[in-house]
């Protein structure tokens, strides 16, 4: 289980007191960079319009059970869940119409934010890109420098079929960056999330668990 910072403190650390640079492809000495617009001047969460943020939902809208997962793309425990128990959860409960599954990003660091902006670049491909991010987490998240990590994330975007121009537009969308941080802050505060992965199952908060525990809990609700 990975602990997260107090939500307000994390949001402040993400968007205030400095800029984020997403390095373009090229050598570390000759590469250019751009600042995510507005990142260093983000508004307070209550002043940011989060209506543009789309909930990422998998499964039947009218499923009898709702699961909201809070996870970070840089969290190894989240990677273990998605590369393991989640596959059984999807096969047995989501694909069969028993569970409506909602994925909400948690932000520990700029790399998780970059990954989130790539995943959300093409909403119809979100869960496919999420799968690629967790499968390759040990590679891209440990690539080393900002430029190396950015390069690995760009490869994932390209593998998912996102055109280079669209990818760069998504990555430089400062307004969306601010909205994502505010949206995360609002949701995590409301649900009392303090660690990842966390699961809100029919309104009740649970910490990470193995598949057998999930199965016992869900079968008891059906």
Foldseek 3Di string as FASTA:
>chain_A
DFFADQLQVQLCVFQEDDWDWQWDDDDPVPTDTDTQPCSHPFDPLVVADLPVDDWQKAADPPALKEKEWEAFLLDLVVLCCLVPLVVVCCVPARVVRNYIYTYAYDDRDVLSLLLQLLLVLPSVCNVVLSSVSSVCSVPLVVLPDSNRNSVVSVVSSVVSPDDPVSSVVSNNNNSVSSSSSSVNSVVCVVLVDGGPGWMQMPNRIDHDDHNVVVVVVSVVSD
